[in-house]
Amino acid sequence: MANLATSFTLWLSLLSYSYINAMAQWPAGRSTRFYEFKVQTMRMTKLCNTNEIVAVNNMFPGPVIYAQEDDRVTVKVTNASPYNASIHW
């Protein structure tokens, strides 16, 4: 029984330590975050089959936007592909 209590206490202290460290590195809300997206086509080969796909910043799926509640997010999108593109959040 003592091993179980010790393990639980250790697990709880590690969890709270990692949570506190993560919160210390993450800025508080009400900040402005800027992103630039370039929509373009690129060739991708999977299973010996090459297709042209639409990618954002040469990534498929596109990049992640990190934001918290009350943050302002500004995204500049440049469409360099021959297709009309729409980005959904």
PDB file of N, CA and C in Angstrom:
ATOM      1  N   MET A   1       0.823  -1.192   0.000  1.00  0.00           N
ATOM      2  CA  MET A   1       0.000   0.000   0.000  1.00  0.00           C
ATOM      3  C   MET A   1       0.864   1.252   0.000  1.00  0.00           C
ATOM      4  N   ALA A   2       2.002   1.188   0.698  1.00  0.00           N
ATOM      5  CA  ALA A   2       2.894   2.344   0.748  1.00  0.00           C
ATOM      6  C   ALA A   2       3.483   2.624  -0.625  1.00  0.00           C
ATOM      7  N   ASN A   3       3.772   1.580  -1.399  1.00  0.00           N
ATOM      8  CA  ASN A   3       4.292   1.767  -2.751  1.00  0.00           C
ATOM      9  C   ASN A   3       3.285   2.477  -3.636  1.00  0.00           C
ATOM     10  N   LEU A   4       2.020   2.118  -3.508  1.00  0.00           N
ATOM     11  CA  LEU A   4       0.975   2.749  -4.310  1.00  0.00           C
ATOM     12  C   LEU A   4       0.841   4.223  -3.960  1.00  0.00           C
ATOM     13  N   ALA A   5       0.867   4.551  -2.686  1.00  0.00           N
ATOM     14  CA  ALA A   5       0.762   5.956  -2.257  1.00  0.00           C
ATOM     15  C   ALA A   5       1.989   6.738  -2.700  1.00  0.00           C
ATOM     16  N   THR A   6       3.162   6.134  -2.609  1.00  0.00           N
ATOM     17  CA  THR A   6       4.382   6.808  -3.043  1.00  0.00           C
ATOM     18  C   THR A   6       4.373   7.031  -4.548  1.00  0.00           C
ATOM     19  N   SER A   7       3.944   6.033  -5.306  1.00  0.00           N
ATOM     20  CA  SER A   7       3.876   6.169  -6.761  1.00  0.00           C
ATOM     21  C   SER A   7       2.890   7.250  -7.170  1.00  0.00           C
ATOM     22  N   PHE A   8       1.737   7.264  -6.515  1.00  0.00           N
ATOM     23  CA  PHE A   8       0.730   8.278  -6.835  1.00  0.00           C
ATOM     24  C   PHE A   8       1.241   9.678  -6.511  1.00  0.00           C
ATOM     25  N   THR A   9       1.903   9.829  -5.364  1.00  0.00           N
ATOM     26  CA  THR A   9       2.450  11.135  -4.979  1.00  0.00           C
ATOM     27  C   THR A   9       3.516  11.589  -5.967  1.00  0.00           C
ATOM     28  N   LEU A  10       4.387  10.676  -6.382  1.00  0.00           N
ATOM     29  CA  LEU A  10       5.422  11.004  -7.356  1.00  0.00           C
ATOM     30  C   LEU A  10       4.801  11.399  -8.692  1.00  0.00           C
ATOM     31  N   TRP A  11       3.807  10.630  -9.141  1.00  0.00           N
ATOM     32  CA  TRP A  11       3.130  10.925 -10.401  1.00  0.00           C
ATOM     33  C   TRP A  11       2.455  12.292 -10.345  1.00  0.00           C
ATOM     34  N   LEU A  12       1.781  12.588  -9.234  1.00  0.00           N
ATOM     35  CA  LEU A  12       1.090  13.863  -9.081  1.00  0.00           C
ATOM     36  C   LEU A  12       2.069  15.033  -9.054  1.00  0.00           C
ATOM     37  N   SER A  13       3.206  14.869  -8.381  1.00  0.00           N
ATOM     38  CA  SER A  13       4.182  15.958  -8.337  1.00  0.00           C
ATOM     39  C   SER A  13       4.811  16.183  -9.711  1.00  0.00           C
ATOM     40  N   LEU A  14       5.095  15.117 -10.469  1.00  0.00           N
ATOM     41  CA  LEU A  14       5.634  15.278 -11.821  1.00  0.00           C
ATOM     42  C   LEU A  14       4.625  15.951 -12.741  1.00  0.00           C
ATOM     43  N   LEU A  15       3.360  15.576 -12.609  1.00  0.00           N
ATOM     44  CA  LEU A  15       2.315  16.183 -13.430  1.00  0.00           C
ATOM     45  C   LEU A  15       2.176  17.665 -13.124  1.00  0.00           C
ATOM     46  N   SER A  16       2.160  18.029 -11.863  1.00  0.00           N
ATOM     47  CA  SER A  16       2.023  19.446 -11.518  1.00  0.00           C
ATOM     48  C   SER A  16       3.266  20.230 -11.919  1.00  0.00           C
ATOM     49  N   TYR A  17       4.460  19.626 -11.811  1.00  0.00           N
ATOM     50  CA  TYR A  17       5.693  20.300 -12.225  1.00  0.00           C
ATOM     51  C   TYR A  17       5.686  20.574 -13.725  1.00  0.00           C
ATOM     52  N   SER A  18       5.277  19.571 -14.525  1.00  0.00           N
ATOM     53  CA  SER A  18       5.253  19.783 -15.976  1.00  0.00           C
ATOM     54  C   SER A  18       4.181  20.796 -16.365  1.00  0.00           C
ATOM     55  N   TYR A  19       3.058  20.815 -15.669  1.00  0.00           N
ATOM     56  CA  TYR A  19       2.001  21.790 -15.950  1.00  0.00           C
ATOM     57  C   TYR A  19       2.480  23.204 -15.636  1.00  0.00           C
ATOM     58  N   ILE A  20       3.150  23.378 -14.525  1.00  0.00           N
ATOM     59  CA  ILE A  20       3.644  24.707 -14.139  1.00  0.00           C
ATOM     60  C   ILE A  20       4.704  25.180 -15.121  1.00  0.00           C
ATOM     61  N   ASN A  21       5.599  24.298 -15.553  1.00  0.00           N
ATOM     62  CA  ASN A  21       6.614  24.672 -16.533  1.00  0.00           C
ATOM     63  C   ASN A  21       5.989  25.038 -17.875  1.00  0.00           C
ATOM     64  N   ALA A  22       4.986  24.296 -18.302  1.00  0.00           N
ATOM     65  CA  ALA A  22       4.336  24.605 -19.576  1.00  0.00           C
ATOM     66  C   ALA A  22       3.632  25.954 -19.504  1.00  0.00           C
ATOM     67  N   MET A  23       2.993  26.249 -18.408  1.00  0.00           N
ATOM     68  CA  MET A  23       2.295  27.524 -18.274  1.00  0.00           C
ATOM     69  C   MET A  23       3.277  28.678 -18.168  1.00  0.00           C
ATOM     70  N   ALA A  24       4.464  28.441 -17.613  1.00  0.00           N
ATOM     71  CA  ALA A  24       5.454  29.507 -17.494  1.00  0.00           C
ATOM     72  C   ALA A  24       6.007  29.895 -18.858  1.00  0.00           C
ATOM     73  N   GLN A  25       6.064  28.951 -19.803  1.00  0.00           N
ATOM     74  CA  GLN A  25       6.611  29.232 -21.119  1.00  0.00           C
ATOM     75  C   GLN A  25       5.562  29.775 -22.079  1.00  0.00           C
ATOM     76  N   TRP A  26       4.298  29.543 -21.816  1.00  0.00           N
ATOM     77  CA  TRP A  26       3.230  29.965 -22.714  1.00  0.00           C
ATOM     78  C   TRP A  26       2.786  31.369 -22.319  1.00  0.00           C
ATOM     79  N   PRO A  27       2.765  32.325 -23.248  1.00  0.00           N
ATOM     80  CA  PRO A  27       2.360  33.690 -22.884  1.00  0.00           C
ATOM     81  C   PRO A  27       0.875  33.761 -22.529  1.00  0.00           C
ATOM     82  N   ALA A  28       0.552  34.712 -21.703  1.00  0.00           N
ATOM     83  CA  ALA A  28      -0.843  34.902 -21.301  1.00  0.00           C
ATOM     84  C   ALA A  28      -1.660  35.392 -22.486  1.00  0.00           C
ATOM     85  N   GLY A  29      -2.971  35.385 -22.353  1.00  0.00           N
ATOM     86  CA  GLY A  29      -3.852  35.833 -23.422  1.00  0.00           C
ATOM     87  C   GLY A  29      -3.672  37.300 -23.758  1.00  0.00           C
ATOM     88  N   ARG A  30      -4.420  37.783 -24.715  1.00  0.00           N
ATOM     89  CA  ARG A  30      -4.386  39.159 -25.197  1.00  0.00           C
ATOM     90  C   ARG A  30      -3.077  39.507 -25.896  1.00  0.00           C
ATOM     91  N   SER A  31      -2.458  38.536 -26.531  1.00  0.00           N
ATOM     92  CA  SER A  31      -1.285  38.846 -27.333  1.00  0.00           C
ATOM     93  C   SER A  31      -1.682  38.758 -28.803  1.00  0.00           C
ATOM     94  N   THR A  32      -0.875  39.330 -29.660  1.00  0.00           N
ATOM     95  CA  THR A  32      -1.140  39.292 -31.099  1.00  0.00           C
ATOM     96  C   THR A  32      -0.151  38.337 -31.738  1.00  0.00           C
ATOM     97  N   ARG A  33      -0.667  37.419 -32.521  1.00  0.00           N
ATOM     98  CA  ARG A  33       0.168  36.425 -33.186  1.00  0.00           C
ATOM     99  C   ARG A  33       0.057  36.633 -34.692  1.00  0.00           C
ATOM    100  N   PHE A  34       1.196  36.641 -35.371  1.00  0.00           N
ATOM    101  CA  PHE A  34       1.243  36.882 -36.804  1.00  0.00           C
ATOM    102  C   PHE A  34       1.713  35.617 -37.509  1.00  0.00           C
ATOM    103  N   TYR A  35       1.030  35.289 -38.598  1.00  0.00           N
ATOM    104  CA  TYR A  35       1.401  34.139 -39.415  1.00  0.00           C
ATOM    105  C   TYR A  35       1.371  34.550 -40.878  1.00  0.00           C
ATOM    106  N   GLU A  36       2.234  33.931 -41.672  1.00  0.00           N
ATOM    107  CA  GLU A  36       2.226  34.122 -43.121  1.00  0.00           C
ATOM    108  C   GLU A  36       2.061  32.763 -43.766  1.00  0.00           C
ATOM    109  N   PHE A  37       1.036  32.651 -44.609  1.00  0.00           N
ATOM    110  CA  PHE A  37       0.767  31.406 -45.319  1.00  0.00           C
ATOM    111  C   PHE A  37       0.968  31.636 -46.806  1.00  0.00           C
ATOM    112  N   LYS A  38       1.701  30.758 -47.439  1.00  0.00           N
ATOM    113  CA  LYS A  38       1.845  30.786 -48.889  1.00  0.00           C
ATOM    114  C   LYS A  38       1.221  29.506 -49.424  1.00  0.00           C
ATOM    115  N   VAL A  39       0.110  29.658 -50.135  1.00  0.00           N
ATOM    116  CA  VAL A  39      -0.599  28.528 -50.716  1.00  0.00           C
ATOM    117  C   VAL A  39       0.000  28.267 -52.090  1.00  0.00           C
ATOM    118  N   GLN A  40       0.469  27.046 -52.305  1.00  0.00           N
ATOM    119  CA  GLN A  40       1.104  26.714 -53.571  1.00  0.00           C
ATOM    120  C   GLN A  40       0.915  25.229 -53.861  1.00  0.00           C
ATOM    121  N   THR A  41       1.180  24.843 -55.078  1.00  0.00           N
ATOM    122  CA  THR A  41       1.092  23.436 -55.442  1.00  0.00           C
ATOM    123  C   THR A  41       2.464  22.791 -55.318  1.00  0.00           C
ATOM    124  N   MET A  42       2.440  21.515 -55.003  1.00  0.00           N
ATOM    125  CA  MET A  42       3.682  20.749 -54.930  1.00  0.00           C
ATOM    126  C   MET A  42       3.388  19.304 -55.317  1.00  0.00           C
ATOM    127  N   ARG A  43       4.396  18.617 -55.771  1.00  0.00           N
ATOM    128  CA  ARG A  43       4.244  17.213 -56.140  1.00  0.00           C
ATOM    129  C   ARG A  43       4.538  16.340 -54.932  1.00  0.00           C
ATOM    130  N   MET A  44       3.646  15.372 -54.710  1.00  0.00           N
ATOM    131  CA  MET A  44       3.822  14.445 -53.601  1.00  0.00           C
ATOM    132  C   MET A  44       3.691  13.023 -54.132  1.00  0.00           C
ATOM    133  N   THR A  45       4.616  12.167 -53.736  1.00  0.00           N
ATOM    134  CA  THR A  45       4.591  10.771 -54.155  1.00  0.00           C
ATOM    135  C   THR A  45       4.292   9.902 -52.954  1.00  0.00           C
ATOM    136  N   LYS A  46       3.243   9.102 -53.082  1.00  0.00           N
ATOM    137  CA  LYS A  46       2.885   8.116 -52.066  1.00  0.00           C
ATOM    138  C   LYS A  46       2.498   6.834 -52.780  1.00  0.00           C
ATOM    139  N   LEU A  47       3.032   5.736 -52.308  1.00  0.00           N
ATOM    140  CA  LEU A  47       2.748   4.414 -52.884  1.00  0.00           C
ATOM    141  C   LEU A  47       3.003   4.402 -54.388  1.00  0.00           C
ATOM    142  N   CYS A  48       4.120   4.968 -54.780  1.00  0.00           N
ATOM    143  CA  CYS A  48       4.563   5.009 -56.192  1.00  0.00           C
ATOM    144  C   CYS A  48       3.606   5.772 -57.090  1.00  0.00           C
ATOM    145  N   ASN A  49       2.795   6.634 -56.532  1.00  0.00           N
ATOM    146  CA  ASN A  49       1.846   7.429 -57.293  1.00  0.00           C
ATOM    147  C   ASN A  49       2.126   8.903 -57.005  1.00  0.00           C
ATOM    148  N   THR A  50       2.411   9.674 -58.042  1.00  0.00           N
ATOM    149  CA  THR A  50       2.728  11.090 -57.880  1.00  0.00           C
ATOM    150  C   THR A  50       1.526  11.944 -58.248  1.00  0.00           C
ATOM    151  N   ASN A  51       1.165  12.848 -57.346  1.00  0.00           N
ATOM    152  CA  ASN A  51       0.052  13.769 -57.585  1.00  0.00           C
ATOM    153  C   ASN A  51       0.497  15.179 -57.240  1.00  0.00           C
ATOM    154  N   GLU A  52      -0.171  16.136 -57.860  1.00  0.00           N
ATOM    155  CA  GLU A  52       0.056  17.527 -57.509  1.00  0.00           C
ATOM    156  C   GLU A  52      -1.004  17.916 -56.489  1.00  0.00           C
ATOM    157  N   ILE A  53      -0.559  18.425 -55.349  1.00  0.00           N
ATOM    158  CA  ILE A  53      -1.480  18.796 -54.276  1.00  0.00           C
ATOM    159  C   ILE A  53      -1.309  20.267 -53.947  1.00  0.00           C
ATOM    160  N   VAL A  54      -2.294  20.824 -53.282  1.00  0.00           N
ATOM    161  CA  VAL A  54      -2.221  22.201 -52.805  1.00  0.00           C
ATOM    162  C   VAL A  54      -1.733  22.146 -51.362  1.00  0.00           C
ATOM    163  N   ALA A  55      -0.661  22.869 -51.070  1.00  0.00           N
ATOM    164  CA  ALA A  55      -0.057  22.853 -49.742  1.00  0.00           C
ATOM    165  C   ALA A  55       0.111  24.280 -49.235  1.00  0.00           C
ATOM    166  N   VAL A  56       0.241  24.408 -47.939  1.00  0.00           N
ATOM    167  CA  VAL A  56       0.479  25.701 -47.312  1.00  0.00           C
ATOM    168  C   VAL A  56       1.884  25.674 -46.718  1.00  0.00           C
ATOM    169  N   ASN A  57       2.732  26.608 -47.138  1.00  0.00           N
ATOM    170  CA  ASN A  57       4.126  26.678 -46.694  1.00  0.00           C
ATOM    171  C   ASN A  57       4.852  25.348 -46.916  1.00  0.00           C
ATOM    172  N   ASN A  58       4.586  24.714 -48.051  1.00  0.00           N
ATOM    173  CA  ASN A  58       5.170  23.411 -48.411  1.00  0.00           C
ATOM    174  C   ASN A  58       4.863  22.334 -47.385  1.00  0.00           C
ATOM    175  N   MET A  59       3.739  22.438 -46.699  1.00  0.00           N
ATOM    176  CA  MET A  59       3.326  21.453 -45.702  1.00  0.00           C
ATOM    177  C   MET A  59       1.925  20.967 -46.023  1.00  0.00           C
ATOM    178  N   PHE A  60       1.716  19.656 -45.896  1.00  0.00           N
ATOM    179  CA  PHE A  60       0.382  19.089 -46.034  1.00  0.00           C
ATOM    180  C   PHE A  60       0.209  18.034 -44.966  1.00  0.00           C
ATOM    181  N   PRO A  61      -0.709  18.170 -44.049  1.00  0.00           N
ATOM    182  CA  PRO A  61      -1.596  19.309 -43.853  1.00  0.00           C
ATOM    183  C   PRO A  61      -0.806  20.551 -43.443  1.00  0.00           C
ATOM    184  N   GLY A  62      -1.460  21.670 -43.492  1.00  0.00           N
ATOM    185  CA  GLY A  62      -0.795  22.951 -43.271  1.00  0.00           C
ATOM    186  C   GLY A  62      -0.294  23.143 -41.856  1.00  0.00           C
ATOM    187  N   PRO A  63       0.338  24.285 -41.594  1.00  0.00           N
ATOM    188  CA  PRO A  63       0.916  24.559 -40.274  1.00  0.00           C
ATOM    189  C   PRO A  63      -0.154  24.769 -39.207  1.00  0.00           C
ATOM    190  N   VAL A  64       0.260  24.618 -37.976  1.00  0.00           N
ATOM    191  CA  VAL A  64      -0.633  24.788 -36.835  1.00  0.00           C
ATOM    192  C   VAL A  64      -0.589  26.235 -36.377  1.00  0.00           C
ATOM    193  N   ILE A  65      -1.744  26.770 -36.037  1.00  0.00           N
ATOM    194  CA  ILE A  65      -1.822  28.108 -35.449  1.00  0.00           C
ATOM    195  C   ILE A  65      -2.007  27.934 -33.951  1.00  0.00           C
ATOM    196  N   TYR A  66      -1.083  28.507 -33.198  1.00  0.00           N
ATOM    197  CA  TYR A  66      -1.181  28.446 -31.744  1.00  0.00           C
ATOM    198  C   TYR A  66      -1.775  29.750 -31.239  1.00  0.00           C
ATOM    199  N   ALA A  67      -2.847  29.635 -30.448  1.00  0.00           N
ATOM    200  CA  ALA A  67      -3.486  30.817 -29.886  1.00  0.00           C
ATOM    201  C   ALA A  67      -4.259  30.421 -28.642  1.00  0.00           C
ATOM    202  N   GLN A  68      -4.461  31.400 -27.788  1.00  0.00           N
ATOM    203  CA  GLN A  68      -5.280  31.213 -26.601  1.00  0.00           C
ATOM    204  C   GLN A  68      -6.489  32.126 -26.694  1.00  0.00           C
ATOM    205  N   GLU A  69      -7.408  31.928 -25.781  1.00  0.00           N
ATOM    206  CA  GLU A  69      -8.578  32.790 -25.716  1.00  0.00           C
ATOM    207  C   GLU A  69      -8.115  34.225 -25.503  1.00  0.00           C
ATOM    208  N   ASP A  70      -8.758  35.161 -26.153  1.00  0.00           N
ATOM    209  CA  ASP A  70      -8.465  36.595 -26.124  1.00  0.00           C
ATOM    210  C   ASP A  70      -7.244  36.981 -26.947  1.00  0.00           C
ATOM    211  N   ASP A  71      -6.613  36.049 -27.648  1.00  0.00           N
ATOM    212  CA  ASP A  71      -5.508  36.394 -28.536  1.00  0.00           C
ATOM    213  C   ASP A  71      -6.057  36.951 -29.837  1.00  0.00           C
ATOM    214  N   ARG A  72      -5.292  37.792 -30.465  1.00  0.00           N
ATOM    215  CA  ARG A  72      -5.615  38.309 -31.789  1.00  0.00           C
ATOM    216  C   ARG A  72      -4.681  37.606 -32.768  1.00  0.00           C
ATOM    217  N   VAL A  73      -5.244  37.025 -33.822  1.00  0.00           N
ATOM    218  CA  VAL A  73      -4.462  36.282 -34.802  1.00  0.00           C
ATOM    219  C   VAL A  73      -4.566  36.994 -36.145  1.00  0.00           C
ATOM    220  N   THR A  74      -3.414  37.346 -36.718  1.00  0.00           N
ATOM    221  CA  THR A  74      -3.358  37.983 -38.026  1.00  0.00           C
ATOM    222  C   THR A  74      -2.653  37.026 -38.981  1.00  0.00           C
ATOM    223  N   VAL A  75      -3.343  36.647 -40.055  1.00  0.00           N
ATOM    224  CA  VAL A  75      -2.787  35.707 -41.023  1.00  0.00           C
ATOM    225  C   VAL A  75      -2.747  36.375 -42.384  1.00  0.00           C
ATOM    226  N   LYS A  76      -1.556  36.467 -42.960  1.00  0.00           N
ATOM    227  CA  LYS A  76      -1.392  36.999 -44.311  1.00  0.00           C
ATOM    228  C   LYS A  76      -1.294  35.794 -45.243  1.00  0.00           C
ATOM    229  N   VAL A  77      -2.240  35.691 -46.179  1.00  0.00           N
ATOM    230  CA  VAL A  77      -2.290  34.547 -47.085  1.00  0.00           C
ATOM    231  C   VAL A  77      -1.950  35.011 -48.489  1.00  0.00           C
ATOM    232  N   THR A  78      -0.976  34.333 -49.102  1.00  0.00           N
ATOM    233  CA  THR A  78      -0.606  34.585 -50.489  1.00  0.00           C
ATOM    234  C   THR A  78      -0.918  33.333 -51.285  1.00  0.00           C
ATOM    235  N   ASN A  79      -1.769  33.473 -52.296  1.00  0.00           N
ATOM    236  CA  ASN A  79      -2.139  32.329 -53.116  1.00  0.00           C
ATOM    237  C   ASN A  79      -1.246  32.293 -54.353  1.00  0.00           C
ATOM    238  N   ALA A  80      -0.285  31.359 -54.349  1.00  0.00           N
ATOM    239  CA  ALA A  80       0.614  31.195 -55.491  1.00  0.00           C
ATOM    240  C   ALA A  80       0.235  29.972 -56.318  1.00  0.00           C
ATOM    241  N   SER A  81      -0.924  29.396 -56.047  1.00  0.00           N
ATOM    242  CA  SER A  81      -1.370  28.224 -56.818  1.00  0.00           C
ATOM    243  C   SER A  81      -2.270  28.689 -57.950  1.00  0.00           C
ATOM    244  N   PRO A  82      -2.428  27.859 -58.974  1.00  0.00           N
ATOM    245  CA  PRO A  82      -3.303  28.236 -60.090  1.00  0.00           C
ATOM    246  C   PRO A  82      -4.796  28.072 -59.757  1.00  0.00           C
ATOM    247  N   TYR A  83      -5.112  27.649 -58.544  1.00  0.00           N
ATOM    248  CA  TYR A  83      -6.489  27.386 -58.145  1.00  0.00           C
ATOM    249  C   TYR A  83      -6.961  28.442 -57.150  1.00  0.00           C
ATOM    250  N   ASN A  84      -8.274  28.674 -57.136  1.00  0.00           N
ATOM    251  CA  ASN A  84      -8.845  29.489 -56.069  1.00  0.00           C
ATOM    252  C   ASN A  84      -8.782  28.674 -54.781  1.00  0.00           C
ATOM    253  N   ALA A  85      -8.437  29.293 -53.692  1.00  0.00           N
ATOM    254  CA  ALA A  85      -8.281  28.562 -52.448  1.00  0.00           C
ATOM    255  C   ALA A  85      -9.058  29.251 -51.331  1.00  0.00           C
ATOM    256  N   SER A  86      -9.577  28.460 -50.430  1.00  0.00           N
ATOM    257  CA  SER A  86     -10.218  29.003 -49.233  1.00  0.00           C
ATOM    258  C   SER A  86      -9.660  28.249 -48.042  1.00  0.00           C
ATOM    259  N   ILE A  87      -9.471  28.963 -46.950  1.00  0.00           N
ATOM    260  CA  ILE A  87      -8.937  28.352 -45.722  1.00  0.00           C
ATOM    261  C   ILE A  87     -10.034  28.380 -44.685  1.00  0.00           C
ATOM    262  N   HIS A  88     -10.277  27.241 -44.077  1.00  0.00           N
ATOM    263  CA  HIS A  88     -11.352  27.112 -43.087  1.00  0.00           C
ATOM    264  C   HIS A  88     -10.723  26.899 -41.720  1.00  0.00           C
ATOM    265  N   TRP A  89     -11.287  27.540 -40.712  1.00  0.00           N
ATOM    266  CA  TRP A  89     -10.751  27.417 -39.352  1.00  0.00           C
ATOM    267  C   TRP A  89     -11.647  26.528 -38.543  1.00  0.00           C
TER     268      TRP A  89
END
